[in-house]
Amino acid sequence: DSFLNAAMLLSGMGPLTAPLTDNGKLFAGLYALYS
């Protein structure tokens, strides 16, 4: 699932699983910008 979410964000499609934790949300946002 980590691979799937990272690959989807890296390809510009967006995550499949919405982050639940505050740290997860922060990571997902920063990773999306980085991607």
Full PDB file with SEQRES, HELIX, SHEET, SSBOND, CRYST1, ORIGX, SCALE, CONECT and MASTER records, all heavy atoms in Angstrom:
SEQRES   1 A   35  ASP SER PHE LEU ASN ALA ALA MET LEU LEU SER GLY MET          
SEQRES   2 A   35  GLY PRO LEU THR ALA PRO LEU THR ASP ASN GLY LYS LEU          
SEQRES   3 A   35  PHE ALA GLY LEU TYR ALA LEU TYR SER                          
HELIX    1 AA1 SER A    2  LEU A   10  1                                   9    
HELIX    2 AA2 ASP A   22  TYR A   34  1                                  13    
CRYST1    1.000    1.000    1.000  90.00  90.00  90.00 P 1           1          
ORIGX1      1.000000  0.000000  0.000000        0.00000                         
ORIGX2      0.000000  1.000000  0.000000        0.00000                         
ORIGX3      0.000000  0.000000  1.000000        0.00000                         
SCALE1      1.000000  0.000000  0.000000        0.00000                         
SCALE2      0.000000  1.000000  0.000000        0.00000                         
SCALE3      0.000000  0.000000  1.000000        0.00000                         
ATOM      1  N   ASP A   1       0.827  -1.209   0.000  1.00  0.00           N  
ATOM      2  CA  ASP A   1       0.000   0.000   0.000  1.00  0.00           C  
ATOM      3  C   ASP A   1       0.865   1.265   0.000  1.00  0.00           C  
ATOM      4  O   ASP A   1       0.508   2.274  -0.615  1.00  0.00           O  
ATOM      5  CB  ASP A   1      -0.935   0.008   1.216  1.00  0.00           C  
ATOM      6  CG  ASP A   1      -2.081  -0.992   1.077  1.00  0.00           C  
ATOM      7  OD1 ASP A   1      -2.390  -1.377  -0.072  1.00  0.00           O  
ATOM      8  OD2 ASP A   1      -2.645  -1.382   2.111  1.00  0.00           O  
ATOM      9  N   SER A   2       2.005   1.207   0.698  1.00  0.00           N  
ATOM     10  CA  SER A   2       2.938   2.337   0.686  1.00  0.00           C  
ATOM     11  C   SER A   2       3.471   2.571  -0.724  1.00  0.00           C  
ATOM     12  O   SER A   2       3.555   3.715  -1.189  1.00  0.00           O  
ATOM     13  CB  SER A   2       4.101   2.073   1.640  1.00  0.00           C  
ATOM     14  OG  SER A   2       3.659   1.997   2.959  1.00  0.00           O  
ATOM     15  N   PHE A   3       3.817   1.476  -1.406  1.00  0.00           N  
ATOM     16  CA  PHE A   3       4.272   1.597  -2.795  1.00  0.00           C  
ATOM     17  C   PHE A   3       3.194   2.215  -3.666  1.00  0.00           C  
ATOM     18  O   PHE A   3       3.457   3.134  -4.451  1.00  0.00           O  
ATOM     19  CB  PHE A   3       4.661   0.221  -3.347  1.00  0.00           C  
ATOM     20  CG  PHE A   3       4.812   0.200  -4.835  1.00  0.00           C  
ATOM     21  CD1 PHE A   3       5.932   0.744  -5.452  1.00  0.00           C  
ATOM     22  CD2 PHE A   3       3.819  -0.338  -5.636  1.00  0.00           C  
ATOM     23  CE1 PHE A   3       6.065   0.746  -6.824  1.00  0.00           C  
ATOM     24  CE2 PHE A   3       3.942  -0.335  -7.017  1.00  0.00           C  
ATOM     25  CZ  PHE A   3       5.068   0.204  -7.606  1.00  0.00           C  
ATOM     26  N   LEU A   4       1.975   1.723  -3.525  1.00  0.00           N  
ATOM     27  CA  LEU A   4       0.873   2.209  -4.362  1.00  0.00           C  
ATOM     28  C   LEU A   4       0.627   3.696  -4.143  1.00  0.00           C  
ATOM     29  O   LEU A   4       0.503   4.468  -5.101  1.00  0.00           O  
ATOM     30  CB  LEU A   4      -0.383   1.396  -4.083  1.00  0.00           C  
ATOM     31  CG  LEU A   4      -1.582   1.678  -4.970  1.00  0.00           C  
ATOM     32  CD1 LEU A   4      -1.229   1.462  -6.439  1.00  0.00           C  
ATOM     33  CD2 LEU A   4      -2.744   0.805  -4.575  1.00  0.00           C  
ATOM     34  N   ASN A   5       0.579   4.128  -2.888  1.00  0.00           N  
ATOM     35  CA  ASN A   5       0.342   5.548  -2.607  1.00  0.00           C  
ATOM     36  C   ASN A   5       1.496   6.417  -3.095  1.00  0.00           C  
ATOM     37  O   ASN A   5       1.273   7.475  -3.686  1.00  0.00           O  
ATOM     38  CB  ASN A   5       0.118   5.762  -1.109  1.00  0.00           C  
ATOM     39  CG  ASN A   5      -1.325   5.553  -0.723  1.00  0.00           C  
ATOM     40  OD1 ASN A   5      -2.184   6.332  -1.110  1.00  0.00           O  
ATOM     41  ND2 ASN A   5      -1.596   4.493   0.008  1.00  0.00           N  
ATOM     42  N   ALA A   6       2.728   5.981  -2.850  1.00  0.00           N  
ATOM     43  CA  ALA A   6       3.886   6.770  -3.292  1.00  0.00           C  
ATOM     44  C   ALA A   6       3.940   6.843  -4.818  1.00  0.00           C  
ATOM     45  O   ALA A   6       4.211   7.905  -5.385  1.00  0.00           O  
ATOM     46  CB  ALA A   6       5.171   6.164  -2.738  1.00  0.00           C  
ATOM     47  N   ALA A   7       3.662   5.730  -5.472  1.00  0.00           N  
ATOM     48  CA  ALA A   7       3.688   5.718  -6.940  1.00  0.00           C  
ATOM     49  C   ALA A   7       2.588   6.605  -7.519  1.00  0.00           C  
ATOM     50  O   ALA A   7       2.815   7.318  -8.507  1.00  0.00           O  
ATOM     51  CB  ALA A   7       3.536   4.289  -7.452  1.00  0.00           C  
ATOM     52  N   MET A   8       1.432   6.572  -6.928  1.00  0.00           N  
ATOM     53  CA  MET A   8       0.335   7.403  -7.427  1.00  0.00           C  
ATOM     54  C   MET A   8       0.646   8.898  -7.240  1.00  0.00           C  
ATOM     55  O   MET A   8       0.373   9.702  -8.125  1.00  0.00           O  
ATOM     56  CB  MET A   8      -0.974   7.041  -6.709  1.00  0.00           C  
ATOM     57  CG  MET A   8      -1.476   5.645  -7.031  1.00  0.00           C  
ATOM     58  SD  MET A   8      -1.929   5.445  -8.755  1.00  0.00           S  
ATOM     59  CE  MET A   8      -3.506   6.250  -8.776  1.00  0.00           C  
ATOM     60  N   LEU A   9       1.209   9.254  -6.096  1.00  0.00           N  
ATOM     61  CA  LEU A   9       1.577  10.659  -5.888  1.00  0.00           C  
ATOM     62  C   LEU A   9       2.705  11.078  -6.812  1.00  0.00           C  
ATOM     63  O   LEU A   9       2.682  12.173  -7.382  1.00  0.00           O  
ATOM     64  CB  LEU A   9       1.999  10.885  -4.436  1.00  0.00           C  
ATOM     65  CG  LEU A   9       0.934  11.412  -3.502  1.00  0.00           C  
ATOM     66  CD1 LEU A   9       1.462  11.539  -2.099  1.00  0.00           C  
ATOM     67  CD2 LEU A   9       0.367  12.713  -3.979  1.00  0.00           C  
ATOM     68  N   LEU A  10       3.691  10.208  -6.965  1.00  0.00           N  
ATOM     69  CA  LEU A  10       4.850  10.533  -7.806  1.00  0.00           C  
ATOM     70  C   LEU A  10       4.447  10.681  -9.272  1.00  0.00           C  
ATOM     71  O   LEU A  10       5.046  11.455 -10.007  1.00  0.00           O  
ATOM     72  CB  LEU A  10       5.918   9.448  -7.649  1.00  0.00           C  
ATOM     73  CG  LEU A  10       7.333   9.773  -8.086  1.00  0.00           C  
ATOM     74  CD1 LEU A  10       7.852  11.020  -7.396  1.00  0.00           C  
ATOM     75  CD2 LEU A  10       8.255   8.608  -7.803  1.00  0.00           C  
ATOM     76  N   SER A  11       3.423   9.968  -9.689  1.00  0.00           N  
ATOM     77  CA  SER A  11       2.975  10.053 -11.083  1.00  0.00           C  
ATOM     78  C   SER A  11       1.954  11.165 -11.297  1.00  0.00           C  
ATOM     79  O   SER A  11       1.505  11.392 -12.416  1.00  0.00           O  
ATOM     80  CB  SER A  11       2.382   8.717 -11.524  1.00  0.00           C  
ATOM     81  OG  SER A  11       1.187   8.459 -10.801  1.00  0.00           O  
ATOM     82  N   GLY A  12       1.565  11.834 -10.216  1.00  0.00           N  
ATOM     83  CA  GLY A  12       0.637  12.948 -10.353  1.00  0.00           C  
ATOM     84  C   GLY A  12      -0.822  12.555 -10.264  1.00  0.00           C  
ATOM     85  O   GLY A  12      -1.703  13.368 -10.507  1.00  0.00           O  
ATOM     86  N   MET A  13      -1.104  11.315  -9.910  1.00  0.00           N  
ATOM     87  CA  MET A  13      -2.485  10.847  -9.848  1.00  0.00           C  
ATOM     88  C   MET A  13      -3.150  11.143  -8.508  1.00  0.00           C  
ATOM     89  O   MET A  13      -4.362  11.177  -8.413  1.00  0.00           O  
ATOM     90  CB  MET A  13      -2.535   9.336 -10.119  1.00  0.00           C  
ATOM     91  CG  MET A  13      -1.965   8.934 -11.453  1.00  0.00           C  
ATOM     92  SD  MET A  13      -2.887   9.593 -12.829  1.00  0.00           S  
ATOM     93  CE  MET A  13      -4.330   8.585 -12.751  1.00  0.00           C  
ATOM     94  N   GLY A  14      -2.375  11.303  -7.467  1.00  0.00           N  
ATOM     95  CA  GLY A  14      -2.922  11.542  -6.140  1.00  0.00           C  
ATOM     96  C   GLY A  14      -2.941  10.271  -5.323  1.00  0.00           C  
ATOM     97  O   GLY A  14      -2.892   9.173  -5.868  1.00  0.00           O  
ATOM     98  N   PRO A  15      -3.023  10.421  -4.000  1.00  0.00           N  
ATOM     99  CA  PRO A  15      -2.982   9.243  -3.133  1.00  0.00           C  
ATOM    100  C   PRO A  15      -4.292   8.455  -3.186  1.00  0.00           C  
ATOM    101  O   PRO A  15      -5.347   8.999  -3.488  1.00  0.00           O  
ATOM    102  CB  PRO A  15      -2.756   9.844  -1.749  1.00  0.00           C  
ATOM    103  CG  PRO A  15      -3.376  11.194  -1.830  1.00  0.00           C  
ATOM    104  CD  PRO A  15      -3.138  11.659  -3.254  1.00  0.00           C  
ATOM    105  N   LEU A  16      -4.200   7.165  -2.886  1.00  0.00           N  
ATOM    106  CA  LEU A  16      -5.395   6.327  -2.815  1.00  0.00           C  
ATOM    107  C   LEU A  16      -5.958   6.282  -1.414  1.00  0.00           C  
ATOM    108  O   LEU A  16      -7.164   6.238  -1.219  1.00  0.00           O  
ATOM    109  CB  LEU A  16      -5.068   4.902  -3.275  1.00  0.00           C  
ATOM    110  CG  LEU A  16      -4.723   4.759  -4.748  1.00  0.00           C  
ATOM    111  CD1 LEU A  16      -4.379   3.316  -5.075  1.00  0.00           C  
ATOM    112  CD2 LEU A  16      -5.862   5.228  -5.610  1.00  0.00           C  
ATOM    113  N   THR A  17      -5.065   6.307  -0.422  1.00  0.00           N  
ATOM    114  CA  THR A  17      -5.467   6.254   0.976  1.00  0.00           C  
ATOM    115  C   THR A  17      -5.268   7.634   1.589  1.00  0.00           C  
ATOM    116  O   THR A  17      -4.169   8.177   1.543  1.00  0.00           O  
ATOM    117  CB  THR A  17      -4.609   5.225   1.746  1.00  0.00           C  
ATOM    118  OG1 THR A  17      -4.673   3.979   1.080  1.00  0.00           O  
ATOM    119  CG2 THR A  17      -5.088   5.070   3.168  1.00  0.00           C  
ATOM    120  N   ALA A  18      -6.325   8.173   2.140  1.00  0.00           N  
ATOM    121  CA  ALA A  18      -6.205   9.481   2.793  1.00  0.00           C  
ATOM    122  C   ALA A  18      -5.436   9.315   4.091  1.00  0.00           C  
ATOM    123  O   ALA A  18      -5.700   8.393   4.860  1.00  0.00           O  
ATOM    124  CB  ALA A  18      -7.585  10.056   3.067  1.00  0.00           C  
ATOM    125  N   PRO A  19      -4.463  10.188   4.342  1.00  0.00           N  
ATOM    126  CA  PRO A  19      -3.697  10.094   5.599  1.00  0.00           C  
ATOM    127  C   PRO A  19      -4.606  10.308   6.807  1.00  0.00           C  
ATOM    128  O   PRO A  19      -5.510  11.141   6.781  1.00  0.00           O  
ATOM    129  CB  PRO A  19      -2.664  11.208   5.484  1.00  0.00           C  
ATOM    130  CG  PRO A  19      -2.691  11.664   4.075  1.00  0.00           C  
ATOM    131  CD  PRO A  19      -3.995  11.262   3.494  1.00  0.00           C  
ATOM    132  N   LEU A  20      -4.338   9.551   7.876  1.00  0.00           N  
ATOM    133  CA  LEU A  20      -5.168   9.633   9.080  1.00  0.00           C  
ATOM    134  C   LEU A  20      -4.483  10.388  10.213  1.00  0.00           C  
ATOM    135  O   LEU A  20      -5.147  11.032  11.015  1.00  0.00           O  
ATOM    136  CB  LEU A  20      -5.551   8.225   9.553  1.00  0.00           C  
ATOM    137  CG  LEU A  20      -6.311   7.373   8.533  1.00  0.00           C  
ATOM    138  CD1 LEU A  20      -6.539   5.971   9.069  1.00  0.00           C  
ATOM    139  CD2 LEU A  20      -7.624   8.039   8.165  1.00  0.00           C  
ATOM    140  N   THR A  21      -3.164  10.306  10.284  1.00  0.00           N  
ATOM    141  CA  THR A  21      -2.437  10.962  11.375  1.00  0.00           C  
ATOM    142  C   THR A  21      -1.949  12.341  10.928  1.00  0.00           C  
ATOM    143  O   THR A  21      -1.833  12.609   9.722  1.00  0.00           O  
ATOM    144  CB  THR A  21      -1.226  10.114  11.798  1.00  0.00           C  
ATOM    145  OG1 THR A  21      -0.292  10.058  10.713  1.00  0.00           O  
ATOM    146  CG2 THR A  21      -1.641   8.697  12.180  1.00  0.00           C  
ATOM    147  N   ASP A  22      -1.652  13.187  11.902  1.00  0.00           N  
ATOM    148  CA  ASP A  22      -1.136  14.517  11.562  1.00  0.00           C  
ATOM    149  C   ASP A  22       0.220  14.413  10.876  1.00  0.00           C  
ATOM    150  O   ASP A  22       0.474  15.120   9.893  1.00  0.00           O  
ATOM    151  CB  ASP A  22      -1.009  15.377  12.836  1.00  0.00           C  
ATOM    152  CG  ASP A  22      -2.356  15.813  13.369  1.00  0.00           C  
ATOM    153  OD1 ASP A  22      -3.358  15.752  12.609  1.00  0.00           O  
ATOM    154  OD2 ASP A  22      -2.424  16.219  14.552  1.00  0.00           O  
ATOM    155  N   ASN A  23       1.087  13.534  11.387  1.00  0.00           N  
ATOM    156  CA  ASN A  23       2.397  13.350  10.747  1.00  0.00           C  
ATOM    157  C   ASN A  23       2.239  12.789   9.339  1.00  0.00           C  
ATOM    158  O   ASN A  23       2.976  13.156   8.426  1.00  0.00           O  
ATOM    159  CB  ASN A  23       3.285  12.433  11.593  1.00  0.00           C  
ATOM    160  CG  ASN A  23       3.789  13.112  12.843  1.00  0.00           C  
ATOM    161  OD1 ASN A  23       3.843  14.336  12.916  1.00  0.00           O  
ATOM    162  ND2 ASN A  23       4.149  12.311  13.840  1.00  0.00           N  
ATOM    163  N   GLY A  24       1.287  11.890   9.157  1.00  0.00           N  
ATOM    164  CA  GLY A  24       1.026  11.332   7.832  1.00  0.00           C  
ATOM    165  C   GLY A  24       0.522  12.395   6.867  1.00  0.00           C  
ATOM    166  O   GLY A  24       0.901  12.417   5.692  1.00  0.00           O  
ATOM    167  N   LYS A  25      -0.326  13.284   7.349  1.00  0.00           N  
ATOM    168  CA  LYS A  25      -0.837  14.368   6.504  1.00  0.00           C  
ATOM    169  C   LYS A  25       0.283  15.323   6.109  1.00  0.00           C  
ATOM    170  O   LYS A  25       0.358  15.759   4.957  1.00  0.00           O  
ATOM    171  CB  LYS A  25      -1.950  15.125   7.231  1.00  0.00           C  
ATOM    172  CG  LYS A  25      -3.213  14.308   7.392  1.00  0.00           C  
ATOM    173  CD  LYS A  25      -4.246  15.040   8.237  1.00  0.00           C  
ATOM    174  CE  LYS A  25      -5.453  14.149   8.450  1.00  0.00           C  
ATOM    175  NZ  LYS A  25      -6.467  14.791   9.299  1.00  0.00           N  
ATOM    176  N   LEU A  26       1.137  15.646   7.078  1.00  0.00           N  
ATOM    177  CA  LEU A  26       2.273  16.520   6.785  1.00  0.00           C  
ATOM    178  C   LEU A  26       3.211  15.860   5.767  1.00  0.00           C  
ATOM    179  O   LEU A  26       3.638  16.498   4.801  1.00  0.00           O  
ATOM    180  CB  LEU A  26       3.017  16.859   8.074  1.00  0.00           C  
ATOM    181  CG  LEU A  26       4.195  17.811   7.953  1.00  0.00           C  
ATOM    182  CD1 LEU A  26       3.732  19.167   7.432  1.00  0.00           C  
ATOM    183  CD2 LEU A  26       4.897  17.968   9.292  1.00  0.00           C  
ATOM    184  N   PHE A  27       3.494  14.582   5.992  1.00  0.00           N  
ATOM    185  CA  PHE A  27       4.356  13.869   5.044  1.00  0.00           C  
ATOM    186  C   PHE A  27       3.728  13.824   3.656  1.00  0.00           C  
ATOM    187  O   PHE A  27       4.401  14.092   2.658  1.00  0.00           O  
ATOM    188  CB  PHE A  27       4.636  12.434   5.515  1.00  0.00           C  
ATOM    189  CG  PHE A  27       5.306  11.614   4.456  1.00  0.00           C  
ATOM    190  CD1 PHE A  27       6.651  11.789   4.180  1.00  0.00           C  
ATOM    191  CD2 PHE A  27       4.585  10.715   3.696  1.00  0.00           C  
ATOM    192  CE1 PHE A  27       7.274  11.061   3.165  1.00  0.00           C  
ATOM    193  CE2 PHE A  27       5.186   9.978   2.684  1.00  0.00           C  
ATOM    194  CZ  PHE A  27       6.535  10.156   2.425  1.00  0.00           C  
ATOM    195  N   ALA A  28       2.455  13.476   3.567  1.00  0.00           N  
ATOM    196  CA  ALA A  28       1.789  13.362   2.266  1.00  0.00           C  
ATOM    197  C   ALA A  28       1.809  14.697   1.518  1.00  0.00           C  
ATOM    198  O   ALA A  28       2.029  14.731   0.302  1.00  0.00           O  
ATOM    199  CB  ALA A  28       0.360  12.861   2.447  1.00  0.00           C  
ATOM    200  N   GLY A  29       1.592  15.788   2.244  1.00  0.00           N  
ATOM    201  CA  GLY A  29       1.622  17.105   1.601  1.00  0.00           C  
ATOM    202  C   GLY A  29       3.002  17.455   1.090  1.00  0.00           C  
ATOM    203  O   GLY A  29       3.163  17.927  -0.041  1.00  0.00           O  
ATOM    204  N   LEU A  30       4.011  17.234   1.921  1.00  0.00           N  
ATOM    205  CA  LEU A  30       5.387  17.538   1.500  1.00  0.00           C  
ATOM    206  C   LEU A  30       5.835  16.613   0.370  1.00  0.00           C  
ATOM    207  O   LEU A  30       6.515  17.054  -0.563  1.00  0.00           O  
ATOM    208  CB  LEU A  30       6.339  17.437   2.694  1.00  0.00           C  
ATOM    209  CG  LEU A  30       6.163  18.499   3.769  1.00  0.00           C  
ATOM    210  CD1 LEU A  30       7.053  18.210   4.967  1.00  0.00           C  
ATOM    211  CD2 LEU A  30       6.445  19.882   3.205  1.00  0.00           C  
ATOM    212  N   TYR A  31       5.443  15.360   0.454  1.00  0.00           N  
ATOM    213  CA  TYR A  31       5.812  14.410  -0.607  1.00  0.00           C  
ATOM    214  C   TYR A  31       5.120  14.766  -1.926  1.00  0.00           C  
ATOM    215  O   TYR A  31       5.702  14.629  -2.992  1.00  0.00           O  
ATOM    216  CB  TYR A  31       5.472  12.978  -0.183  1.00  0.00           C  
ATOM    217  CG  TYR A  31       5.971  11.944  -1.156  1.00  0.00           C  
ATOM    218  CD1 TYR A  31       7.333  11.682  -1.280  1.00  0.00           C  
ATOM    219  CD2 TYR A  31       5.090  11.244  -1.965  1.00  0.00           C  
ATOM    220  CE1 TYR A  31       7.801  10.746  -2.181  1.00  0.00           C  
ATOM    221  CE2 TYR A  31       5.544  10.295  -2.866  1.00  0.00           C  
ATOM    222  CZ  TYR A  31       6.902  10.056  -2.966  1.00  0.00           C  
ATOM    223  OH  TYR A  31       7.365   9.133  -3.870  1.00  0.00           O  
ATOM    224  N   ALA A  32       3.895  15.262  -1.858  1.00  0.00           N  
ATOM    225  CA  ALA A  32       3.189  15.686  -3.064  1.00  0.00           C  
ATOM    226  C   ALA A  32       3.900  16.876  -3.717  1.00  0.00           C  
ATOM    227  O   ALA A  32       4.075  16.916  -4.945  1.00  0.00           O  
ATOM    228  CB  ALA A  32       1.743  16.046  -2.735  1.00  0.00           C  
ATOM    229  N   LEU A  33       4.319  17.849  -2.905  1.00  0.00           N  
ATOM    230  CA  LEU A  33       5.071  18.987  -3.447  1.00  0.00           C  
ATOM    231  C   LEU A  33       6.388  18.526  -4.048  1.00  0.00           C  
ATOM    232  O   LEU A  33       6.770  18.939  -5.151  1.00  0.00           O  
ATOM    233  CB  LEU A  33       5.327  20.026  -2.349  1.00  0.00           C  
ATOM    234  CG  LEU A  33       4.107  20.780  -1.849  1.00  0.00           C  
ATOM    235  CD1 LEU A  33       4.461  21.614  -0.632  1.00  0.00           C  
ATOM    236  CD2 LEU A  33       3.544  21.651  -2.956  1.00  0.00           C  
ATOM    237  N   TYR A  34       7.097  17.675  -3.328  1.00  0.00           N  
ATOM    238  CA  TYR A  34       8.364  17.131  -3.816  1.00  0.00           C  
ATOM    239  C   TYR A  34       8.156  16.381  -5.136  1.00  0.00           C  
ATOM    240  O   TYR A  34       8.942  16.526  -6.065  1.00  0.00           O  
ATOM    241  CB  TYR A  34       8.952  16.208  -2.750  1.00  0.00           C  
ATOM    242  CG  TYR A  34      10.102  15.380  -3.230  1.00  0.00           C  
ATOM    243  CD1 TYR A  34      11.376  15.925  -3.346  1.00  0.00           C  
ATOM    244  CD2 TYR A  34       9.923  14.048  -3.586  1.00  0.00           C  
ATOM    245  CE1 TYR A  34      12.441  15.164  -3.799  1.00  0.00           C  
ATOM    246  CE2 TYR A  34      10.975  13.279  -4.038  1.00  0.00           C  
ATOM    247  CZ  TYR A  34      12.230  13.835  -4.143  1.00  0.00           C  
ATOM    248  OH  TYR A  34      13.276  13.093  -4.604  1.00  0.00           O  
ATOM    249  N   SER A  35       7.082  15.603  -5.212  1.00  0.00           N  
ATOM    250  CA  SER A  35       6.818  14.815  -6.418  1.00  0.00           C  
ATOM    251  C   SER A  35       6.624  15.700  -7.643  1.00  0.00           C  
ATOM    252  O   SER A  35       7.053  15.347  -8.753  1.00  0.00           O  
ATOM    253  CB  SER A  35       5.579  13.935  -6.217  1.00  0.00           C  
ATOM    254  OG  SER A  35       5.806  12.994  -5.207  1.00  0.00           O  
TER     255      SER A  35                                                      
MASTER        0    0    0    2    0    0    0    6  254    1    0    3          
END                                                                             
